[in-house]
Amino acid sequence: SNTAFGTSKQYGGLVAVNKGNLTITNCYYAGTVTSNKAESVGGILGLSAAGNVVITNSFAIADLTSPTYGVGGVVGYNKGTGLSIENCYAAGMLSAVSGKGGIIGKTDTAASVKNSVWGGTGSEAFVGEGDATVEGTSLLSSLPAADQAAFATPSAIAVKYNWSTDIWDLSGNAPVLK
């Protein structure tokens, strides 16, 4: 869990701020991210400030809280030149005044979300504020029961996204690096 009481305005489960090109693949965060000042809180990435960002086959199961705006299950706030999220899952509780989205909280620039799933509460929107191309993305509750089972545990999600068993032990509840 990350609880922030400092002066920073960006927090993420894995990365707080990105200011260049970034690729995140086969990663996950489980816990909470809470801030008393933040305007960018994301399950994986808090703020994409510049550059192209690609996030694939990753997920966050996190309760995310900001007193202002920009809270997203995967990315809190996007200002970068290009954000692409594909085959990602987010769940948990989102809490903010505005800009809450299951996948992206707020985006000022081009963003795309493909084949992703939102399974949390606090927002029914995939993108809280701003425009993004959203394709093949679903609410977990709208999927058939058999498909929902693929998101029952962190290891089940990793199996769904074809994480390598040469690198990850997926036999338990959560993925563990070998």
C-alpha atoms as a PDB file:
ATOM      1  CA  SER A   1       0.000   0.000   0.000  1.00  0.00           C
ATOM      2  CA  ASN A   2       1.131   3.519  -0.780  1.00  0.00           C
ATOM      3  CA  THR A   3      -0.095   6.345   1.427  1.00  0.00           C
ATOM      4  CA  ALA A   4       1.229   9.741   0.445  1.00  0.00           C
ATOM      5  CA  PHE A   5       1.191  12.731   2.736  1.00  0.00           C
ATOM      6  CA  GLY A   6       3.955  14.759   1.064  1.00  0.00           C
ATOM      7  CA  THR A   7       3.834  17.567  -1.471  1.00  0.00           C
ATOM      8  CA  SER A   8       3.956  15.458  -4.635  1.00  0.00           C
ATOM      9  CA  LYS A   9       0.866  15.515  -6.823  1.00  0.00           C
ATOM     10  CA  GLN A  10       1.383  12.221  -8.675  1.00  0.00           C
ATOM     11  CA  TYR A  11       1.213   8.680  -7.341  1.00  0.00           C
ATOM     12  CA  GLY A  12       1.009   5.293  -8.993  1.00  0.00           C
ATOM     13  CA  GLY A  13       1.068   1.706  -7.871  1.00  0.00           C
ATOM     14  CA  LEU A  14       4.193   1.116  -9.980  1.00  0.00           C
ATOM     15  CA  VAL A  15       5.249   4.488 -11.466  1.00  0.00           C
ATOM     16  CA  ALA A  16       4.429   7.959 -10.126  1.00  0.00           C
ATOM     17  CA  VAL A  17       5.470  10.146 -13.111  1.00  0.00           C
ATOM     18  CA  ASN A  18       6.680   9.356 -16.606  1.00  0.00           C
ATOM     19  CA  LYS A  19       8.384  12.090 -18.670  1.00  0.00           C
ATOM     20  CA  GLY A  20       9.580  10.059 -21.666  1.00  0.00           C
ATOM     21  CA  ASN A  21       8.807   6.946 -23.648  1.00  0.00           C
ATOM     22  CA  LEU A  22       7.738   4.056 -21.430  1.00  0.00           C
ATOM     23  CA  THR A  23       6.660   0.453 -21.962  1.00  0.00           C
ATOM     24  CA  ILE A  24       5.109  -1.603 -19.161  1.00  0.00           C
ATOM     25  CA  THR A  25       4.347  -5.256 -19.913  1.00  0.00           C
ATOM     26  CA  ASN A  26       3.332  -8.166 -17.658  1.00  0.00           C
ATOM     27  CA  CYS A  27       3.264  -6.141 -14.447  1.00  0.00           C
ATOM     28  CA  TYR A  28       0.770  -5.785 -11.644  1.00  0.00           C
ATOM     29  CA  TYR A  29       0.028  -3.846  -8.509  1.00  0.00           C
ATOM     30  CA  ALA A  30      -2.281  -4.894  -5.679  1.00  0.00           C
ATOM     31  CA  GLY A  31      -2.982  -2.625  -2.720  1.00  0.00           C
ATOM     32  CA  THR A  32      -4.046   0.966  -2.146  1.00  0.00           C
ATOM     33  CA  VAL A  33      -2.786   4.354  -3.283  1.00  0.00           C
ATOM     34  CA  THR A  34      -4.019   7.221  -1.124  1.00  0.00           C
ATOM     35  CA  SER A  35      -2.952  10.849  -1.270  1.00  0.00           C
ATOM     36  CA  ASN A  36      -3.986  14.015   0.509  1.00  0.00           C
ATOM     37  CA  LYS A  37      -2.684  16.261  -2.317  1.00  0.00           C
ATOM     38  CA  ALA A  38      -2.517  14.273  -5.551  1.00  0.00           C
ATOM     39  CA  GLU A  39      -4.174  15.184  -8.797  1.00  0.00           C
ATOM     40  CA  SER A  40      -2.905  12.070 -10.585  1.00  0.00           C
ATOM     41  CA  VAL A  41      -3.405   8.666  -8.973  1.00  0.00           C
ATOM     42  CA  GLY A  42      -3.214   5.480 -11.025  1.00  0.00           C
ATOM     43  CA  GLY A  43      -3.171   1.791 -10.258  1.00  0.00           C
ATOM     44  CA  ILE A  44      -0.094   1.388 -12.471  1.00  0.00           C
ATOM     45  CA  LEU A  45       0.948   4.916 -13.583  1.00  0.00           C
ATOM     46  CA  GLY A  46       0.052   8.181 -11.833  1.00  0.00           C
ATOM     47  CA  LEU A  47       0.930  10.757 -14.521  1.00  0.00           C
ATOM     48  CA  SER A  48       2.055  10.350 -18.102  1.00  0.00           C
ATOM     49  CA  ALA A  49       3.547  13.822 -18.595  1.00  0.00           C
ATOM     50  CA  ALA A  50       5.414  13.350 -21.895  1.00  0.00           C
ATOM     51  CA  GLY A  51       6.365  10.753 -24.451  1.00  0.00           C
ATOM     52  CA  ASN A  52       4.663   7.645 -25.721  1.00  0.00           C
ATOM     53  CA  VAL A  53       3.436   5.160 -23.116  1.00  0.00           C
ATOM     54  CA  VAL A  54       2.434   1.579 -23.888  1.00  0.00           C
ATOM     55  CA  ILE A  55       0.932  -0.587 -21.129  1.00  0.00           C
ATOM     56  CA  THR A  56       0.037  -4.180 -22.048  1.00  0.00           C
ATOM     57  CA  ASN A  57      -0.925  -7.432 -20.322  1.00  0.00           C
ATOM     58  CA  SER A  58      -0.877  -5.711 -16.940  1.00  0.00           C
ATOM     59  CA  PHE A  59      -3.342  -5.154 -14.134  1.00  0.00           C
ATOM     60  CA  ALA A  60      -4.038  -3.296 -10.917  1.00  0.00           C
ATOM     61  CA  ILE A  61      -6.308  -4.357  -8.098  1.00  0.00           C
ATOM     62  CA  ALA A  62      -6.227  -1.226  -5.996  1.00  0.00           C
ATOM     63  CA  ASP A  63      -8.300   1.253  -4.057  1.00  0.00           C
ATOM     64  CA  LEU A  64      -7.268   4.679  -5.362  1.00  0.00           C
ATOM     65  CA  THR A  65      -7.989   7.975  -3.601  1.00  0.00           C
ATOM     66  CA  SER A  66      -7.310  11.606  -4.495  1.00  0.00           C
ATOM     67  CA  PRO A  67      -8.865  14.754  -2.994  1.00  0.00           C
ATOM     68  CA  THR A  68      -9.000  16.368  -6.441  1.00  0.00           C
ATOM     69  CA  TYR A  69      -9.088  14.693  -9.893  1.00  0.00           C
ATOM     70  CA  GLY A  70      -7.328  12.236 -12.196  1.00  0.00           C
ATOM     71  CA  VAL A  71      -7.915   8.808 -10.660  1.00  0.00           C
ATOM     72  CA  GLY A  72      -7.739   5.819 -12.998  1.00  0.00           C
ATOM     73  CA  GLY A  73      -7.522   2.071 -12.512  1.00  0.00           C
ATOM     74  CA  VAL A  74      -4.504   1.892 -14.855  1.00  0.00           C
ATOM     75  CA  VAL A  75      -3.440   5.542 -15.488  1.00  0.00           C
ATOM     76  CA  GLY A  76      -4.487   8.528 -13.381  1.00  0.00           C
ATOM     77  CA  TYR A  77      -3.768  11.428 -15.754  1.00  0.00           C
ATOM     78  CA  ASN A  78      -2.406  11.507 -19.303  1.00  0.00           C
ATOM     79  CA  LYS A  79      -0.742  14.601 -20.784  1.00  0.00           C
ATOM     80  CA  GLY A  80       1.741  12.656 -22.938  1.00  0.00           C
ATOM     81  CA  THR A  81       1.860  12.495 -26.719  1.00  0.00           C
ATOM     82  CA  GLY A  82       0.468   8.988 -26.981  1.00  0.00           C
ATOM     83  CA  LEU A  83      -0.946   6.540 -24.460  1.00  0.00           C
ATOM     84  CA  SER A  84      -1.859   3.003 -25.449  1.00  0.00           C
ATOM     85  CA  ILE A  85      -3.394   0.525 -23.002  1.00  0.00           C
ATOM     86  CA  GLU A  86      -4.135  -2.995 -24.239  1.00  0.00           C
ATOM     87  CA  ASN A  87      -5.123  -6.250 -22.521  1.00  0.00           C
ATOM     88  CA  CYS A  88      -5.252  -4.656 -19.092  1.00  0.00           C
ATOM     89  CA  TYR A  89      -7.524  -5.150 -16.100  1.00  0.00           C
ATOM     90  CA  ALA A  90      -8.316  -2.837 -13.212  1.00  0.00           C
ATOM     91  CA  ALA A  91     -10.454  -3.323 -10.119  1.00  0.00           C
ATOM     92  CA  GLY A  92     -10.913  -1.598  -6.789  1.00  0.00           C
ATOM     93  CA  MET A  93     -12.602   1.546  -5.492  1.00  0.00           C
ATOM     94  CA  LEU A  94     -11.997   4.935  -7.124  1.00  0.00           C
ATOM     95  CA  SER A  95     -12.433   8.087  -5.066  1.00  0.00           C
ATOM     96  CA  ALA A  96     -11.961  11.664  -6.355  1.00  0.00           C
ATOM     97  CA  VAL A  97     -13.991  14.822  -6.956  1.00  0.00           C
ATOM     98  CA  SER A  98     -13.838  14.389 -10.752  1.00  0.00           C
ATOM     99  CA  GLY A  99     -11.889  12.643 -13.492  1.00  0.00           C
ATOM    100  CA  LYS A 100     -12.478   9.076 -12.297  1.00  0.00           C
ATOM    101  CA  GLY A 101     -12.214   6.308 -14.867  1.00  0.00           C
ATOM    102  CA  GLY A 102     -11.908   2.570 -14.616  1.00  0.00           C
ATOM    103  CA  ILE A 103      -8.937   2.556 -17.002  1.00  0.00           C
ATOM    104  CA  ILE A 104      -7.899   6.249 -17.384  1.00  0.00           C
ATOM    105  CA  GLY A 105      -8.922   8.993 -14.954  1.00  0.00           C
ATOM    106  CA  LYS A 106      -8.282  12.020 -17.153  1.00  0.00           C
ATOM    107  CA  THR A 107      -6.620  12.513 -20.529  1.00  0.00           C
ATOM    108  CA  ASP A 108      -5.693  15.769 -22.267  1.00  0.00           C
ATOM    109  CA  THR A 109      -4.147  14.119 -25.331  1.00  0.00           C
ATOM    110  CA  ALA A 110      -4.617  11.120 -27.609  1.00  0.00           C
ATOM    111  CA  ALA A 111      -5.127   7.818 -25.817  1.00  0.00           C
ATOM    112  CA  SER A 112      -6.375   4.378 -26.777  1.00  0.00           C
ATOM    113  CA  VAL A 113      -7.761   1.538 -24.698  1.00  0.00           C
ATOM    114  CA  LYS A 114      -8.161  -1.897 -26.286  1.00  0.00           C
ATOM    115  CA  ASN A 115      -9.404  -5.243 -25.011  1.00  0.00           C
ATOM    116  CA  SER A 116      -9.347  -4.207 -21.372  1.00  0.00           C
ATOM    117  CA  VAL A 117     -11.696  -4.823 -18.447  1.00  0.00           C
ATOM    118  CA  TRP A 118     -12.858  -2.625 -15.556  1.00  0.00           C
ATOM    119  CA  GLY A 119     -14.146  -4.527 -12.528  1.00  0.00           C
ATOM    120  CA  GLY A 120     -14.257  -1.956  -9.764  1.00  0.00           C
ATOM    121  CA  THR A 121     -16.520   0.689  -8.263  1.00  0.00           C
ATOM    122  CA  GLY A 122     -16.616   4.472  -8.156  1.00  0.00           C
ATOM    123  CA  SER A 123     -17.048   4.959 -11.908  1.00  0.00           C
ATOM    124  CA  GLU A 124     -18.901   3.238 -14.724  1.00  0.00           C
ATOM    125  CA  ALA A 125     -16.756   5.059 -17.308  1.00  0.00           C
ATOM    126  CA  PHE A 126     -13.600   3.602 -18.830  1.00  0.00           C
ATOM    127  CA  VAL A 127     -12.233   7.150 -19.242  1.00  0.00           C
ATOM    128  CA  GLY A 128     -13.309   9.706 -16.639  1.00  0.00           C
ATOM    129  CA  GLU A 129     -12.535  12.945 -18.533  1.00  0.00           C
ATOM    130  CA  GLY A 130     -11.224  13.583 -22.033  1.00  0.00           C
ATOM    131  CA  ASP A 131     -11.381  11.689 -25.278  1.00  0.00           C
ATOM    132  CA  ALA A 132      -9.871   8.291 -25.911  1.00  0.00           C
ATOM    133  CA  THR A 133     -10.462   5.583 -28.462  1.00  0.00           C
ATOM    134  CA  VAL A 134     -11.974   2.631 -26.606  1.00  0.00           C
ATOM    135  CA  GLU A 135     -12.319  -0.716 -28.406  1.00  0.00           C
ATOM    136  CA  GLY A 136     -13.238  -4.186 -27.150  1.00  0.00           C
ATOM    137  CA  THR A 137     -13.296  -2.992 -23.538  1.00  0.00           C
ATOM    138  CA  SER A 138     -15.885  -4.245 -21.040  1.00  0.00           C
ATOM    139  CA  LEU A 139     -17.201  -3.928 -17.551  1.00  0.00           C
ATOM    140  CA  LEU A 140     -16.447  -7.143 -15.678  1.00  0.00           C
ATOM    141  CA  SER A 141     -20.107  -7.389 -14.615  1.00  0.00           C
ATOM    142  CA  SER A 142     -21.222  -7.450 -18.270  1.00  0.00           C
ATOM    143  CA  LEU A 143     -19.096 -10.496 -19.142  1.00  0.00           C
ATOM    144  CA  PRO A 144     -20.521 -14.037 -19.030  1.00  0.00           C
ATOM    145  CA  ALA A 145     -19.805 -15.847 -15.748  1.00  0.00           C
ATOM    146  CA  ALA A 146     -17.272 -18.156 -17.421  1.00  0.00           C
ATOM    147  CA  ASP A 147     -15.278 -15.127 -18.647  1.00  0.00           C
ATOM    148  CA  GLN A 148     -15.498 -13.408 -15.257  1.00  0.00           C
ATOM    149  CA  ALA A 149     -13.714 -16.404 -13.696  1.00  0.00           C
ATOM    150  CA  ALA A 150     -10.549 -15.428 -15.603  1.00  0.00           C
ATOM    151  CA  PHE A 151     -10.355 -12.364 -13.331  1.00  0.00           C
ATOM    152  CA  ALA A 152     -10.998 -14.140  -9.999  1.00  0.00           C
ATOM    153  CA  THR A 153      -7.392 -14.025  -8.700  1.00  0.00           C
ATOM    154  CA  PRO A 154      -4.194 -12.223  -9.683  1.00  0.00           C
ATOM    155  CA  SER A 155      -2.718 -15.504 -10.979  1.00  0.00           C
ATOM    156  CA  ALA A 156      -5.850 -16.200 -13.037  1.00  0.00           C
ATOM    157  CA  ILE A 157      -5.499 -12.759 -14.640  1.00  0.00           C
ATOM    158  CA  ALA A 158      -1.822 -13.432 -15.436  1.00  0.00           C
ATOM    159  CA  VAL A 159      -2.794 -16.744 -17.040  1.00  0.00           C
ATOM    160  CA  LYS A 160      -5.459 -14.962 -19.120  1.00  0.00           C
ATOM    161  CA  TYR A 161      -2.850 -12.497 -20.349  1.00  0.00           C
ATOM    162  CA  ASN A 162      -0.400 -15.324 -21.208  1.00  0.00           C
ATOM    163  CA  TRP A 163       2.351 -14.455 -18.743  1.00  0.00           C
ATOM    164  CA  SER A 164       5.334 -16.755 -19.162  1.00  0.00           C
ATOM    165  CA  THR A 165       5.536 -19.594 -16.667  1.00  0.00           C
ATOM    166  CA  ASP A 166       9.296 -19.610 -17.317  1.00  0.00           C
ATOM    167  CA  ILE A 167       9.428 -16.263 -15.509  1.00  0.00           C
ATOM    168  CA  TRP A 168       6.371 -16.383 -13.217  1.00  0.00           C
ATOM    169  CA  ASP A 169       5.082 -18.987 -10.784  1.00  0.00           C
ATOM    170  CA  LEU A 170       1.316 -18.793 -11.332  1.00  0.00           C
ATOM    171  CA  SER A 171       0.356 -21.754  -9.139  1.00  0.00           C
ATOM    172  CA  GLY A 172      -0.702 -19.676  -6.114  1.00  0.00           C
ATOM    173  CA  ASN A 173      -3.187 -16.847  -5.659  1.00  0.00           C
ATOM    174  CA  ALA A 174      -0.746 -14.165  -6.907  1.00  0.00           C
ATOM    175  CA  PRO A 175       2.066 -14.267  -9.486  1.00  0.00           C
ATOM    176  CA  VAL A 176       5.561 -14.670  -8.032  1.00  0.00           C
ATOM    177  CA  LEU A 177       8.790 -14.157  -9.936  1.00  0.00           C
ATOM    178  CA  LYS A 178      10.802 -17.356 -10.166  1.00  0.00           C
END
